[in-house]
Amino acid sequence: MPELPEVETVRRGLAPVLEGARLAHVAVNRPDLRWPLPENMAGRLTGAAITALRRRSKYILADLDTGETLIIHLGMSGRMIVSDPAAGDGRDMLGEFHHLHPGLAKHDHVVLQTDSGARVVFNDARRFGAMDLAPTDALDTHWLLRGIGPEPFANAFNEPYLVAAFAGRRSPVKSVLLDQRVVAGLGNIYVCEALYRARISPLRHAGRISPARVAQLVPVIRDVLNDAIAAGGSSLRDYRRADGELGYFQHSFQVYGREGAACQTPDCAGIIRRKTQSGRSSFYCASCQR
């Protein structure tokens, strides 16, 4: 499932096309994705202008001038595909550029056509993605968004906050960081990478890590996420950027997916191990992560 860097990369790719644009035509080609789509979704979106395109955790939020916000979750395989003939960005099924939009594919479930002629298609083969419409001024109470913790780049996510969030926790540190109520948007890949950079074992109980080491995690988490965003995210299975290109951060993984490889820490003779925690694979070096 796309994590914060992938969702932020998609948001940035959509912003030049959607932000400030008016939706001239919207087609909804099925009644549901992971859950039922909102009632009269096409009618509520058609004619609306997108005033801002934001991200909250792993959700893309398109604020509308109607007072509603379109909530988008990519799920396991969801993709936002942009074609803009005016910019020469249309592709046909063979990947060749042409002056028209490409034909719709089997899993193109929602189509957004802007007043400038650009088109954004939500394609989701597995249908684990989701869309909903909610009042913009009540988003914090929406069932998909309420209870989500601070954004990693927000001022509220700071050293004292994380130290307090870890205090007394008996759960493994990795489980705590994956808890969206503690910090928004982190997933398996980037927690593994952040813990490696901080030299903290994913197996350690969060409450038994010294406050000084917990505090060090805040800038490390931000650095990992910034590096991943700069690389366009990580493409492991279905993820593609809005322009159809792959992300490249997977080529910079230091531990994730590297079971049996040598640790990259200088003067460390350790080997990357994999351990299943709560149904997810944790990758770490037992020699230098304590």
C-alpha atoms as a PDB file:
ATOM      1  CA  MET A   1       0.000   0.000   0.000  1.00  0.00           C
ATOM      2  CA  PRO A   2       1.387   3.445  -0.841  1.00  0.00           C
ATOM      3  CA  GLU A   3       2.817   5.255   2.164  1.00  0.00           C
ATOM      4  CA  LEU A   4       3.219   8.971   2.789  1.00  0.00           C
ATOM      5  CA  PRO A   5       5.989   9.584   0.194  1.00  0.00           C
ATOM      6  CA  GLU A   6       4.048   7.853  -2.578  1.00  0.00           C
ATOM      7  CA  VAL A   7       0.812   9.678  -1.775  1.00  0.00           C
ATOM      8  CA  GLU A   8       2.626  13.016  -1.529  1.00  0.00           C
ATOM      9  CA  THR A   9       4.337  12.334  -4.870  1.00  0.00           C
ATOM     10  CA  VAL A  10       0.957  11.640  -6.500  1.00  0.00           C
ATOM     11  CA  ARG A  11      -0.514  14.782  -4.935  1.00  0.00           C
ATOM     12  CA  ARG A  12       2.309  16.896  -6.320  1.00  0.00           C
ATOM     13  CA  GLY A  13       1.822  15.343  -9.739  1.00  0.00           C
ATOM     14  CA  LEU A  14      -1.901  16.115  -9.699  1.00  0.00           C
ATOM     15  CA  ALA A  15      -1.635  19.658  -8.354  1.00  0.00           C
ATOM     16  CA  PRO A  16      -0.650  21.405 -11.629  1.00  0.00           C
ATOM     17  CA  VAL A  17      -3.638  19.816 -13.394  1.00  0.00           C
ATOM     18  CA  LEU A  18      -6.327  19.895 -10.698  1.00  0.00           C
ATOM     19  CA  GLU A  19      -5.582  22.748  -8.326  1.00  0.00           C
ATOM     20  CA  GLY A  20      -7.616  25.765  -9.438  1.00  0.00           C
ATOM     21  CA  ALA A  21      -9.357  23.767 -12.174  1.00  0.00           C
ATOM     22  CA  ARG A  22     -13.088  23.312 -12.593  1.00  0.00           C
ATOM     23  CA  LEU A  23     -14.475  19.836 -13.171  1.00  0.00           C
ATOM     24  CA  ALA A  24     -16.382  20.088 -16.438  1.00  0.00           C
ATOM     25  CA  HIS A  25     -17.431  16.451 -16.511  1.00  0.00           C
ATOM     26  CA  VAL A  26     -17.181  13.557 -14.052  1.00  0.00           C
ATOM     27  CA  ALA A  27     -17.956   9.915 -14.792  1.00  0.00           C
ATOM     28  CA  VAL A  28     -18.363   7.287 -12.080  1.00  0.00           C
ATOM     29  CA  ASN A  29     -18.270   3.871 -13.720  1.00  0.00           C
ATOM     30  CA  ARG A  30     -19.195   1.646 -10.786  1.00  0.00           C
ATOM     31  CA  PRO A  31     -21.127   2.090  -7.524  1.00  0.00           C
ATOM     32  CA  ASP A  32     -18.328   1.085  -5.190  1.00  0.00           C
ATOM     33  CA  LEU A  33     -14.626   0.591  -4.612  1.00  0.00           C
ATOM     34  CA  ARG A  34     -13.609  -0.771  -1.238  1.00  0.00           C
ATOM     35  CA  TRP A  35     -16.808   0.786   0.097  1.00  0.00           C
ATOM     36  CA  PRO A  36     -19.834   2.287  -1.687  1.00  0.00           C
ATOM     37  CA  LEU A  37     -19.088   5.568  -3.425  1.00  0.00           C
ATOM     38  CA  PRO A  38     -21.029   8.624  -2.175  1.00  0.00           C
ATOM     39  CA  GLU A  39     -24.524   9.214  -3.467  1.00  0.00           C
ATOM     40  CA  ASN A  40     -24.685  11.241  -6.697  1.00  0.00           C
ATOM     41  CA  MET A  41     -20.905  11.603  -6.658  1.00  0.00           C
ATOM     42  CA  ALA A  42     -20.676  12.587 -10.332  1.00  0.00           C
ATOM     43  CA  GLY A  43     -23.383  15.235  -9.952  1.00  0.00           C
ATOM     44  CA  ARG A  44     -21.823  16.710  -6.805  1.00  0.00           C
ATOM     45  CA  LEU A  45     -18.403  16.960  -8.453  1.00  0.00           C
ATOM     46  CA  THR A  46     -19.422  18.194 -11.906  1.00  0.00           C
ATOM     47  CA  GLY A  47     -19.115  21.971 -12.116  1.00  0.00           C
ATOM     48  CA  ALA A  48     -17.147  22.253  -8.868  1.00  0.00           C
ATOM     49  CA  ALA A  49     -13.770  23.988  -8.765  1.00  0.00           C
ATOM     50  CA  ILE A  50     -10.875  22.439  -6.833  1.00  0.00           C
ATOM     51  CA  THR A  51      -9.565  25.206  -4.596  1.00  0.00           C
ATOM     52  CA  ALA A  52      -6.758  23.219  -2.951  1.00  0.00           C
ATOM     53  CA  LEU A  53      -5.189  19.774  -3.177  1.00  0.00           C
ATOM     54  CA  ARG A  54      -3.845  18.566   0.150  1.00  0.00           C
ATOM     55  CA  ARG A  55      -2.639  15.380   1.816  1.00  0.00           C
ATOM     56  CA  ARG A  56      -3.596  14.033   5.226  1.00  0.00           C
ATOM     57  CA  SER A  57      -1.739  10.880   6.219  1.00  0.00           C
ATOM     58  CA  LYS A  58      -2.225   8.532   3.240  1.00  0.00           C
ATOM     59  CA  TYR A  59      -5.256  10.401   1.883  1.00  0.00           C
ATOM     60  CA  ILE A  60      -5.394  13.001  -0.901  1.00  0.00           C
ATOM     61  CA  LEU A  61      -7.901  15.759  -0.155  1.00  0.00           C
ATOM     62  CA  ALA A  62      -9.385  17.879  -2.951  1.00  0.00           C
ATOM     63  CA  ASP A  63     -11.179  20.882  -1.453  1.00  0.00           C
ATOM     64  CA  LEU A  64     -14.081  22.133  -3.607  1.00  0.00           C
ATOM     65  CA  ASP A  65     -15.729  25.530  -3.865  1.00  0.00           C
ATOM     66  CA  THR A  66     -19.008  23.805  -2.983  1.00  0.00           C
ATOM     67  CA  GLY A  67     -17.880  23.383   0.634  1.00  0.00           C
ATOM     68  CA  GLU A  68     -17.149  19.677   0.237  1.00  0.00           C
ATOM     69  CA  THR A  69     -13.867  17.799   0.005  1.00  0.00           C
ATOM     70  CA  LEU A  70     -13.192  14.760  -2.146  1.00  0.00           C
ATOM     71  CA  ILE A  71     -11.289  12.194  -0.078  1.00  0.00           C
ATOM     72  CA  ILE A  72      -9.127   9.791  -2.104  1.00  0.00           C
ATOM     73  CA  HIS A  73      -7.301   6.712  -0.856  1.00  0.00           C
ATOM     74  CA  LEU A  74      -5.237   4.747  -3.364  1.00  0.00           C
ATOM     75  CA  GLY A  75      -5.506   1.406  -1.587  1.00  0.00           C
ATOM     76  CA  MET A  76      -3.256  -1.427  -2.743  1.00  0.00           C
ATOM     77  CA  SER A  77      -3.286  -0.811  -6.479  1.00  0.00           C
ATOM     78  CA  GLY A  78      -5.030   2.516  -7.073  1.00  0.00           C
ATOM     79  CA  ARG A  79      -3.487   4.910  -9.594  1.00  0.00           C
ATOM     80  CA  MET A  80      -4.297   8.471 -10.599  1.00  0.00           C
ATOM     81  CA  ILE A  81      -3.501   8.704 -14.317  1.00  0.00           C
ATOM     82  CA  VAL A  82      -3.160  12.161 -15.859  1.00  0.00           C
ATOM     83  CA  SER A  83      -3.546  12.934 -19.543  1.00  0.00           C
ATOM     84  CA  ASP A  84      -3.403  16.493 -20.795  1.00  0.00           C
ATOM     85  CA  PRO A  85      -3.480  16.855 -24.593  1.00  0.00           C
ATOM     86  CA  ALA A  86      -2.647  20.556 -24.326  1.00  0.00           C
ATOM     87  CA  ALA A  87       0.644  19.599 -22.701  1.00  0.00           C
ATOM     88  CA  GLY A  88       1.252  16.639 -24.995  1.00  0.00           C
ATOM     89  CA  ASP A  89       0.712  14.155 -22.179  1.00  0.00           C
ATOM     90  CA  GLY A  90      -1.852  11.810 -23.758  1.00  0.00           C
ATOM     91  CA  ARG A  91      -0.740   8.195 -24.186  1.00  0.00           C
ATOM     92  CA  ASP A  92      -2.414   5.405 -26.060  1.00  0.00           C
ATOM     93  CA  MET A  93      -2.288   1.765 -24.997  1.00  0.00           C
ATOM     94  CA  LEU A  94       1.093   1.325 -26.693  1.00  0.00           C
ATOM     95  CA  GLY A  95       2.584   4.193 -24.710  1.00  0.00           C
ATOM     96  CA  GLU A  96       2.851   6.473 -27.755  1.00  0.00           C
ATOM     97  CA  PHE A  97       2.052  10.165 -27.403  1.00  0.00           C
ATOM     98  CA  HIS A  98      -0.842  11.579 -29.393  1.00  0.00           C
ATOM     99  CA  HIS A  99      -3.178  14.556 -29.348  1.00  0.00           C
ATOM    100  CA  LEU A 100      -6.191  12.743 -27.889  1.00  0.00           C
ATOM    101  CA  HIS A 101      -6.886  11.144 -24.538  1.00  0.00           C
ATOM    102  CA  PRO A 102      -6.203   7.410 -24.379  1.00  0.00           C
ATOM    103  CA  GLY A 103      -9.185   5.093 -24.344  1.00  0.00           C
ATOM    104  CA  LEU A 104     -10.530   4.032 -20.968  1.00  0.00           C
ATOM    105  CA  ALA A 105      -9.330   0.713 -19.577  1.00  0.00           C
ATOM    106  CA  LYS A 106     -11.234  -1.999 -17.733  1.00  0.00           C
ATOM    107  CA  HIS A 107     -10.433  -0.729 -14.236  1.00  0.00           C
ATOM    108  CA  ASP A 108     -10.842   3.014 -14.886  1.00  0.00           C
ATOM    109  CA  HIS A 109     -13.525   3.594 -12.270  1.00  0.00           C
ATOM    110  CA  VAL A 110     -13.687   7.390 -11.893  1.00  0.00           C
ATOM    111  CA  VAL A 111     -12.907   9.976 -14.586  1.00  0.00           C
ATOM    112  CA  LEU A 112     -12.389  13.677 -13.832  1.00  0.00           C
ATOM    113  CA  GLN A 113     -12.405  16.009 -16.856  1.00  0.00           C
ATOM    114  CA  THR A 114     -11.336  19.607 -16.224  1.00  0.00           C
ATOM    115  CA  ASP A 115     -12.434  22.757 -18.020  1.00  0.00           C
ATOM    116  CA  SER A 116      -8.947  23.033 -19.539  1.00  0.00           C
ATOM    117  CA  GLY A 117      -9.316  19.646 -21.248  1.00  0.00           C
ATOM    118  CA  ALA A 118      -7.073  17.662 -18.899  1.00  0.00           C
ATOM    119  CA  ARG A 119      -8.281  14.324 -17.609  1.00  0.00           C
ATOM    120  CA  VAL A 120      -7.500  12.409 -14.421  1.00  0.00           C
ATOM    121  CA  VAL A 121      -8.548   8.762 -14.202  1.00  0.00           C
ATOM    122  CA  PHE A 122      -8.692   6.702 -11.016  1.00  0.00           C
ATOM    123  CA  ASN A 123      -7.720   3.156 -11.972  1.00  0.00           C
ATOM    124  CA  ASP A 124      -7.849   0.413  -9.349  1.00  0.00           C
ATOM    125  CA  ALA A 125      -7.648  -3.218 -10.389  1.00  0.00           C
ATOM    126  CA  ARG A 126      -8.092  -4.656  -6.890  1.00  0.00           C
ATOM    127  CA  ARG A 127     -10.649  -2.053  -5.738  1.00  0.00           C
ATOM    128  CA  PHE A 128      -9.064  -1.588  -2.309  1.00  0.00           C
ATOM    129  CA  GLY A 129      -9.038   2.168  -2.891  1.00  0.00           C
ATOM    130  CA  ALA A 130     -11.730   4.508  -1.659  1.00  0.00           C
ATOM    131  CA  MET A 131     -13.377   7.845  -2.389  1.00  0.00           C
ATOM    132  CA  ASP A 132     -15.797   9.863  -0.330  1.00  0.00           C
ATOM    133  CA  LEU A 133     -17.246  13.366  -0.161  1.00  0.00           C
ATOM    134  CA  ALA A 134     -17.518  15.213   3.133  1.00  0.00           C
ATOM    135  CA  PRO A 135     -18.043  18.789   4.370  1.00  0.00           C
ATOM    136  CA  THR A 136     -14.647  20.498   4.327  1.00  0.00           C
ATOM    137  CA  ASP A 137     -15.175  22.094   7.730  1.00  0.00           C
ATOM    138  CA  ALA A 138     -15.919  18.719   9.314  1.00  0.00           C
ATOM    139  CA  LEU A 139     -13.098  16.610   7.891  1.00  0.00           C
ATOM    140  CA  ASP A 140     -11.473  16.085  11.285  1.00  0.00           C
ATOM    141  CA  THR A 141     -14.549  14.152  12.401  1.00  0.00           C
ATOM    142  CA  HIS A 142     -14.866  12.048   9.239  1.00  0.00           C
ATOM    143  CA  TRP A 143     -14.600   8.354  10.062  1.00  0.00           C
ATOM    144  CA  LEU A 144     -11.594   7.880   7.772  1.00  0.00           C
ATOM    145  CA  LEU A 145      -9.653  10.818   9.229  1.00  0.00           C
ATOM    146  CA  ARG A 146     -10.631  11.257  12.849  1.00  0.00           C
ATOM    147  CA  GLY A 147      -8.069  10.158  15.401  1.00  0.00           C
ATOM    148  CA  ILE A 148      -5.105  10.400  13.024  1.00  0.00           C
ATOM    149  CA  GLY A 149      -1.967  11.699  14.729  1.00  0.00           C
ATOM    150  CA  PRO A 150       0.229  14.624  13.714  1.00  0.00           C
ATOM    151  CA  GLU A 151       1.895  14.805  10.321  1.00  0.00           C
ATOM    152  CA  PRO A 152       5.631  13.976  10.435  1.00  0.00           C
ATOM    153  CA  PHE A 153       6.487  17.403   8.980  1.00  0.00           C
ATOM    154  CA  ALA A 154       4.143  19.326  11.277  1.00  0.00           C
ATOM    155  CA  ASN A 155       5.332  21.318  14.276  1.00  0.00           C
ATOM    156  CA  ALA A 156       3.164  19.129  16.506  1.00  0.00           C
ATOM    157  CA  PHE A 157       5.372  16.152  15.687  1.00  0.00           C
ATOM    158  CA  ASN A 158       8.371  17.051  17.804  1.00  0.00           C
ATOM    159  CA  GLU A 159      10.775  15.488  20.255  1.00  0.00           C
ATOM    160  CA  PRO A 160       8.738  16.052  23.458  1.00  0.00           C
ATOM    161  CA  TYR A 161       5.610  14.744  21.729  1.00  0.00           C
ATOM    162  CA  LEU A 162       7.242  11.490  20.615  1.00  0.00           C
ATOM    163  CA  VAL A 163       8.936  10.933  23.976  1.00  0.00           C
ATOM    164  CA  ALA A 164       5.542  11.278  25.667  1.00  0.00           C
ATOM    165  CA  ALA A 165       3.884   8.981  23.079  1.00  0.00           C
ATOM    166  CA  PHE A 166       6.483   6.263  23.766  1.00  0.00           C
ATOM    167  CA  ALA A 167       6.432   6.544  27.561  1.00  0.00           C
ATOM    168  CA  GLY A 168       5.273   3.340  29.231  1.00  0.00           C
ATOM    169  CA  ARG A 169       4.544   1.549  25.946  1.00  0.00           C
ATOM    170  CA  ARG A 170       5.182  -2.201  26.030  1.00  0.00           C
ATOM    171  CA  SER A 171       4.578  -2.637  22.321  1.00  0.00           C
ATOM    172  CA  PRO A 172       7.537  -2.920  19.925  1.00  0.00           C
ATOM    173  CA  VAL A 173       8.711   0.455  18.682  1.00  0.00           C
ATOM    174  CA  LYS A 174       7.862  -0.502  15.114  1.00  0.00           C
ATOM    175  CA  SER A 175       4.234  -1.176  16.040  1.00  0.00           C
ATOM    176  CA  VAL A 176       3.979   2.181  17.791  1.00  0.00           C
ATOM    177  CA  LEU A 177       5.348   4.080  14.782  1.00  0.00           C
ATOM    178  CA  LEU A 178       2.926   2.249  12.471  1.00  0.00           C
ATOM    179  CA  ASP A 179      -0.001   3.340  14.657  1.00  0.00           C
ATOM    180  CA  GLN A 180      -1.640   6.160  12.686  1.00  0.00           C
ATOM    181  CA  ARG A 181      -2.894   7.631  15.972  1.00  0.00           C
ATOM    182  CA  VAL A 182       0.726   8.294  16.961  1.00  0.00           C
ATOM    183  CA  VAL A 183       2.060   9.676  13.683  1.00  0.00           C
ATOM    184  CA  ALA A 184       0.337  10.001  10.326  1.00  0.00           C
ATOM    185  CA  GLY A 185       1.354   8.321   7.101  1.00  0.00           C
ATOM    186  CA  LEU A 186       4.175   6.024   8.162  1.00  0.00           C
ATOM    187  CA  GLY A 187       4.150   2.488   6.766  1.00  0.00           C
ATOM    188  CA  ASN A 188       6.267  -0.622   6.894  1.00  0.00           C
ATOM    189  CA  ILE A 189       8.983   0.470   4.461  1.00  0.00           C
ATOM    190  CA  TYR A 190       9.819   3.828   5.966  1.00  0.00           C
ATOM    191  CA  VAL A 191       9.594   2.715   9.590  1.00  0.00           C
ATOM    192  CA  CYS A 192      12.141  -0.034   8.825  1.00  0.00           C
ATOM    193  CA  GLU A 193      14.417   2.488   7.123  1.00  0.00           C
ATOM    194  CA  ALA A 194      14.063   5.100   9.878  1.00  0.00           C
ATOM    195  CA  LEU A 195      14.778   2.628  12.665  1.00  0.00           C
ATOM    196  CA  TYR A 196      17.866   1.458  10.817  1.00  0.00           C
ATOM    197  CA  ARG A 197      19.179   5.009  10.437  1.00  0.00           C
ATOM    198  CA  ALA A 198      18.476   5.638  14.131  1.00  0.00           C
ATOM    199  CA  ARG A 199      20.167   2.315  15.075  1.00  0.00           C
ATOM    200  CA  ILE A 200      17.096   1.205  17.025  1.00  0.00           C
ATOM    201  CA  SER A 201      15.916  -2.401  16.838  1.00  0.00           C
ATOM    202  CA  PRO A 202      12.297  -2.799  15.690  1.00  0.00           C
ATOM    203  CA  LEU A 203      11.949  -5.422  18.420  1.00  0.00           C
ATOM    204  CA  ARG A 204      12.651  -3.028  21.303  1.00  0.00           C
ATOM    205  CA  HIS A 205       9.699  -2.071  23.481  1.00  0.00           C
ATOM    206  CA  ALA A 206       8.975   1.593  22.848  1.00  0.00           C
ATOM    207  CA  GLY A 207       8.825   2.427  26.534  1.00  0.00           C
ATOM    208  CA  ARG A 208      12.307   1.036  27.147  1.00  0.00           C
ATOM    209  CA  ILE A 209      14.079   3.318  24.693  1.00  0.00           C
ATOM    210  CA  SER A 210      15.791   6.293  26.328  1.00  0.00           C
ATOM    211  CA  PRO A 211      14.172   9.690  25.752  1.00  0.00           C
ATOM    212  CA  ALA A 212      17.339  10.909  24.020  1.00  0.00           C
ATOM    213  CA  ARG A 213      17.178   8.104  21.461  1.00  0.00           C
ATOM    214  CA  VAL A 214      13.435   8.568  20.944  1.00  0.00           C
ATOM    215  CA  ALA A 215      14.010  12.273  20.320  1.00  0.00           C
ATOM    216  CA  GLN A 216      16.583  11.426  17.642  1.00  0.00           C
ATOM    217  CA  LEU A 217      13.894   9.580  15.703  1.00  0.00           C
ATOM    218  CA  VAL A 218      12.031  12.801  14.827  1.00  0.00           C
ATOM    219  CA  PRO A 219      14.632  14.274  12.440  1.00  0.00           C
ATOM    220  CA  VAL A 220      15.525  10.789  11.162  1.00  0.00           C
ATOM    221  CA  ILE A 221      11.912  10.066  10.180  1.00  0.00           C
ATOM    222  CA  ARG A 222      11.699  13.406   8.386  1.00  0.00           C
ATOM    223  CA  ASP A 223      14.971  12.793   6.569  1.00  0.00           C
ATOM    224  CA  VAL A 224      13.856   9.359   5.356  1.00  0.00           C
ATOM    225  CA  LEU A 225      10.528  10.718   4.129  1.00  0.00           C
ATOM    226  CA  ASN A 226      12.158  13.695   2.415  1.00  0.00           C
ATOM    227  CA  ASP A 227      14.649  11.409   0.667  1.00  0.00           C
ATOM    228  CA  ALA A 228      11.827   9.146  -0.501  1.00  0.00           C
ATOM    229  CA  ILE A 229       9.706  12.045  -1.770  1.00  0.00           C
ATOM    230  CA  ALA A 230      12.711  13.438  -3.657  1.00  0.00           C
ATOM    231  CA  ALA A 231      13.060  10.027  -5.346  1.00  0.00           C
ATOM    232  CA  GLY A 232       9.363   9.894  -6.264  1.00  0.00           C
ATOM    233  CA  GLY A 233       8.526   7.238  -3.678  1.00  0.00           C
ATOM    234  CA  SER A 234       9.108   3.499  -3.887  1.00  0.00           C
ATOM    235  CA  SER A 235       7.715   1.262  -6.644  1.00  0.00           C
ATOM    236  CA  LEU A 236       7.479  -2.340  -5.473  1.00  0.00           C
ATOM    237  CA  ARG A 237       4.278  -3.647  -7.095  1.00  0.00           C
ATOM    238  CA  ASP A 238       1.539  -1.421  -8.471  1.00  0.00           C
ATOM    239  CA  TYR A 239       2.622   2.073  -7.482  1.00  0.00           C
ATOM    240  CA  ARG A 240       3.162   4.618 -10.247  1.00  0.00           C
ATOM    241  CA  ARG A 241       3.462   8.382 -10.093  1.00  0.00           C
ATOM    242  CA  ALA A 242       0.753  10.529 -11.677  1.00  0.00           C
ATOM    243  CA  ASP A 243       2.889  10.815 -14.820  1.00  0.00           C
ATOM    244  CA  GLY A 244       3.042   7.019 -15.085  1.00  0.00           C
ATOM    245  CA  GLU A 245       6.702   6.785 -14.103  1.00  0.00           C
ATOM    246  CA  LEU A 246       8.116   4.571 -11.361  1.00  0.00           C
ATOM    247  CA  GLY A 247       9.448   5.855  -8.067  1.00  0.00           C
ATOM    248  CA  TYR A 248      13.140   5.226  -7.407  1.00  0.00           C
ATOM    249  CA  PHE A 249      13.617   5.145  -3.636  1.00  0.00           C
ATOM    250  CA  GLN A 250      13.602   1.335  -3.642  1.00  0.00           C
ATOM    251  CA  HIS A 251      17.112   1.551  -5.074  1.00  0.00           C
ATOM    252  CA  SER A 252      18.195   3.341  -1.885  1.00  0.00           C
ATOM    253  CA  PHE A 253      16.781   0.863   0.643  1.00  0.00           C
ATOM    254  CA  GLN A 254      19.329   0.117   3.341  1.00  0.00           C
ATOM    255  CA  VAL A 255      17.389  -2.673   5.054  1.00  0.00           C
ATOM    256  CA  TYR A 256      13.926  -3.137   3.566  1.00  0.00           C
ATOM    257  CA  GLY A 257      13.805  -6.238   1.368  1.00  0.00           C
ATOM    258  CA  ARG A 258      17.542  -6.915   1.889  1.00  0.00           C
ATOM    259  CA  GLU A 259      17.337 -10.073   4.003  1.00  0.00           C
ATOM    260  CA  GLY A 260      20.689 -11.858   4.023  1.00  0.00           C
ATOM    261  CA  ALA A 261      22.621  -8.877   2.632  1.00  0.00           C
ATOM    262  CA  ALA A 262      25.518  -7.252   4.433  1.00  0.00           C
ATOM    263  CA  CYS A 263      24.748  -4.314   6.719  1.00  0.00           C
ATOM    264  CA  GLN A 264      25.770  -1.015   5.136  1.00  0.00           C
ATOM    265  CA  THR A 265      26.910   0.562   8.401  1.00  0.00           C
ATOM    266  CA  PRO A 266      30.683   1.128   8.262  1.00  0.00           C
ATOM    267  CA  ASP A 267      32.669  -1.389  10.333  1.00  0.00           C
ATOM    268  CA  CYS A 268      29.565  -3.501  10.971  1.00  0.00           C
ATOM    269  CA  ALA A 269      29.855  -7.157  10.048  1.00  0.00           C
ATOM    270  CA  GLY A 270      26.145  -7.790  10.557  1.00  0.00           C
ATOM    271  CA  ILE A 271      23.660  -9.328   8.137  1.00  0.00           C
ATOM    272  CA  ILE A 272      20.187  -7.960   7.490  1.00  0.00           C
ATOM    273  CA  ARG A 273      17.557 -10.146   9.097  1.00  0.00           C
ATOM    274  CA  ARG A 274      13.819 -10.431   8.557  1.00  0.00           C
ATOM    275  CA  LYS A 275      11.314 -11.070  11.310  1.00  0.00           C
ATOM    276  CA  THR A 276       7.524 -11.108  11.108  1.00  0.00           C
ATOM    277  CA  GLN A 277       5.835  -8.672  13.475  1.00  0.00           C
ATOM    278  CA  SER A 278       2.042  -8.469  13.525  1.00  0.00           C
ATOM    279  CA  GLY A 279       1.898 -10.020  10.068  1.00  0.00           C
ATOM    280  CA  ARG A 280       4.469  -7.645   8.537  1.00  0.00           C
ATOM    281  CA  SER A 281       8.115  -8.181   7.723  1.00  0.00           C
ATOM    282  CA  SER A 282      10.638  -6.210   9.727  1.00  0.00           C
ATOM    283  CA  PHE A 283      14.121  -5.865   8.240  1.00  0.00           C
ATOM    284  CA  TYR A 284      16.976  -4.903  10.534  1.00  0.00           C
ATOM    285  CA  CYS A 285      20.592  -5.493  11.525  1.00  0.00           C
ATOM    286  CA  ALA A 286      20.818  -7.202  14.906  1.00  0.00           C
ATOM    287  CA  SER A 287      24.447  -6.094  15.257  1.00  0.00           C
ATOM    288  CA  CYS A 288      24.064  -2.330  15.056  1.00  0.00           C
ATOM    289  CA  GLN A 289      20.376  -1.839  15.886  1.00  0.00           C
ATOM    290  CA  ARG A 290      19.836  -2.130  19.583  1.00  0.00           C
END
